[in-house]
Protein backbone atom coordinates (compact mmCIF):
# COMPACT_ATOMS: atom_id res chain seq x y z
CA UNK A 1 -6.51 18.67 8.22
CA UNK A 2 -5.47 17.35 4.82
CA UNK A 3 -5.72 13.66 3.95
CA UNK A 4 -2.37 12.13 3.09
CA UNK A 5 -2.78 9.98 -0.03
CA UNK A 6 0.84 9.24 -1.04
CA UNK A 7 3.61 7.63 0.98
CA UNK A 8 7.29 7.55 0.06
CA UNK A 9 9.37 4.46 0.75
CA UNK A 10 12.86 3.03 0.32
CA UNK A 11 13.05 -0.70 -0.37
CA UNK A 12 15.37 -2.71 1.89
CA UNK A 13 17.15 -4.30 -1.09
CA UNK A 14 15.75 -2.70 -4.22
CA UNK A 15 14.55 -3.80 -7.63
CA UNK A 16 17.19 -4.65 -10.24
CA UNK A 17 15.98 -4.00 -13.78
CA UNK A 18 17.05 -5.89 -16.92
CA UNK A 19 19.97 -3.49 -17.42
CA UNK A 20 21.25 -4.04 -13.88
CA UNK A 21 20.07 -0.68 -12.53
CA UNK A 22 18.96 -0.60 -8.90
CA UNK A 23 15.67 1.11 -7.99
CA UNK A 24 14.98 1.57 -4.26
CA UNK A 25 12.93 4.72 -3.67
CA UNK A 26 9.29 4.95 -4.57
CA UNK A 27 5.81 6.19 -3.82
CA UNK A 28 2.70 4.24 -2.86
CA UNK A 29 -0.73 5.85 -2.97
CA UNK A 30 -3.77 4.93 -0.94
CA UNK A 31 -5.86 2.19 -2.50
CA UNK A 32 -9.36 2.95 -3.67
CA UNK A 33 -12.28 0.55 -3.97
CA UNK A 34 -11.51 -0.18 -7.63
CA UNK A 35 -7.93 -1.15 -6.72
CA UNK A 36 -9.25 -3.85 -4.43
CA UNK A 37 -12.11 -5.05 -6.67
CA UNK A 38 -10.53 -5.21 -10.14
CA UNK A 39 -7.81 -7.76 -9.20
CA UNK A 40 -10.50 -10.24 -8.15
CA UNK A 41 -11.44 -10.58 -11.85
CA UNK A 42 -7.81 -11.24 -12.85
CA UNK A 43 -7.41 -14.88 -13.91
CA UNK A 44 -4.00 -15.07 -12.22
CA UNK A 45 -5.63 -14.13 -8.90
CA UNK A 46 -8.51 -16.56 -9.47
CA UNK A 47 -6.03 -19.38 -10.10
CA UNK A 48 -3.75 -18.43 -7.21
CA UNK A 49 -5.05 -16.17 -4.43
CA UNK A 50 -1.45 -15.38 -3.38
CA UNK A 51 -1.12 -13.40 -6.62
CA UNK A 52 -3.57 -10.80 -5.30
CA UNK A 53 -0.84 -8.76 -3.57
CA UNK A 54 1.17 -8.66 -6.82
CA UNK A 55 -1.74 -7.09 -8.71
CA UNK A 56 -2.66 -4.77 -5.83
CA UNK A 57 0.87 -3.41 -5.48
CA UNK A 58 1.22 -2.90 -9.23
CA UNK A 59 -1.89 -0.69 -9.06
CA UNK A 60 -0.92 1.46 -6.05
CA UNK A 61 2.83 1.95 -6.49
CA UNK A 62 2.97 5.08 -8.59
CA UNK A 63 6.77 5.34 -8.76
CA UNK A 64 9.77 3.09 -8.26
CA UNK A 65 13.13 4.66 -8.97
CA UNK A 66 13.46 5.74 -12.59
CA UNK A 67 11.13 3.09 -14.01
CA UNK A 68 8.62 4.36 -16.54
CA UNK A 69 5.97 1.91 -15.30
CA UNK A 70 5.41 -0.32 -12.29
CA UNK A 71 3.52 -3.38 -13.50
CA UNK A 72 3.01 -6.95 -12.28
CA UNK A 73 6.26 -8.01 -13.97
CA UNK A 74 8.20 -5.58 -11.80
CA UNK A 75 6.44 -6.67 -8.60
CA UNK A 76 6.95 -10.37 -9.49
CA UNK A 77 10.69 -9.79 -9.71
CA UNK A 78 11.14 -8.01 -6.38
CA UNK A 79 13.24 -9.75 -3.76
CA UNK A 80 11.04 -11.55 -1.22
CA UNK A 81 12.08 -9.15 1.57
CA UNK A 82 11.02 -6.15 -0.54
CA UNK A 83 7.68 -7.77 -1.37
CA UNK A 84 7.03 -8.38 2.35
CA UNK A 85 8.04 -4.77 3.11
CA UNK A 86 5.58 -3.39 0.54
CA UNK A 87 2.79 -5.73 1.63
CA UNK A 88 3.19 -4.57 5.24
CA UNK A 89 3.28 -0.95 4.11
CA UNK A 90 0.13 -1.45 2.01
CA UNK A 91 -1.70 -2.92 5.00
CA UNK A 92 -0.48 -0.17 7.32
CA UNK A 93 -1.48 2.79 5.11
CA UNK A 94 -4.82 1.25 4.06
CA UNK A 95 -6.04 0.11 7.47
CA UNK A 96 -9.70 0.56 8.26
CA UNK A 97 -8.97 2.37 11.49
CA UNK A 98 -9.87 6.01 11.81
CA UNK A 99 -8.65 8.67 14.20
CA UNK A 100 -10.82 11.68 14.89
CA UNK A 101 -10.23 14.77 16.96
CA UNK A 102 -12.78 15.06 19.78
CA UNK A 103 -13.49 17.45 22.63
CA UNK A 104 -14.42 16.25 26.12
CA UNK A 105 -17.89 17.66 26.92
CA UNK A 106 -17.00 17.97 30.65
CA UNK A 107 -13.54 19.55 30.73
CA UNK A 108 -13.16 20.86 27.15
CA UNK A 109 -9.88 18.95 26.59
CA UNK A 110 -9.14 18.05 22.98
CA UNK A 111 -7.63 14.71 22.05
CA UNK A 112 -7.57 12.12 19.28
CA UNK A 113 -9.78 9.06 19.55
CA UNK A 114 -8.99 5.96 17.50
CA UNK A 115 -11.85 3.84 16.27
CA UNK A 116 -11.24 0.21 15.35
CA UNK A 117 -12.36 -1.66 12.27
CA UNK A 118 -16.06 -1.81 11.50
CA UNK A 119 -17.72 -4.61 13.39
CA UNK A 120 -15.04 -4.78 16.10
CA UNK A 121 -15.71 -3.59 19.61
């Protein structure tokens, strides 16, 4: 089984660049520990905790349309519905839940077992 680390998406509305070009399709990669730690040192995040998602998304979106770079300026200028879409996608692909394939010791049946977040029962 190979770990999926990149996820394609299509924005509901799309990002309009300074030349009026529309960019809708993109790729988000899984976040790593550094992606979640580094933004906490960003002064914009320290001044306004709501800015955290802007910095996080700018780090994990590896492609958006034909843009050469996806930075905080791009994320800041997304339509609100697209920002919500990407925030939900980020949470969904980076959840702490794990699914493992297990075998029943009594009957030998194989199935997937989902484990919740650490600390939850």
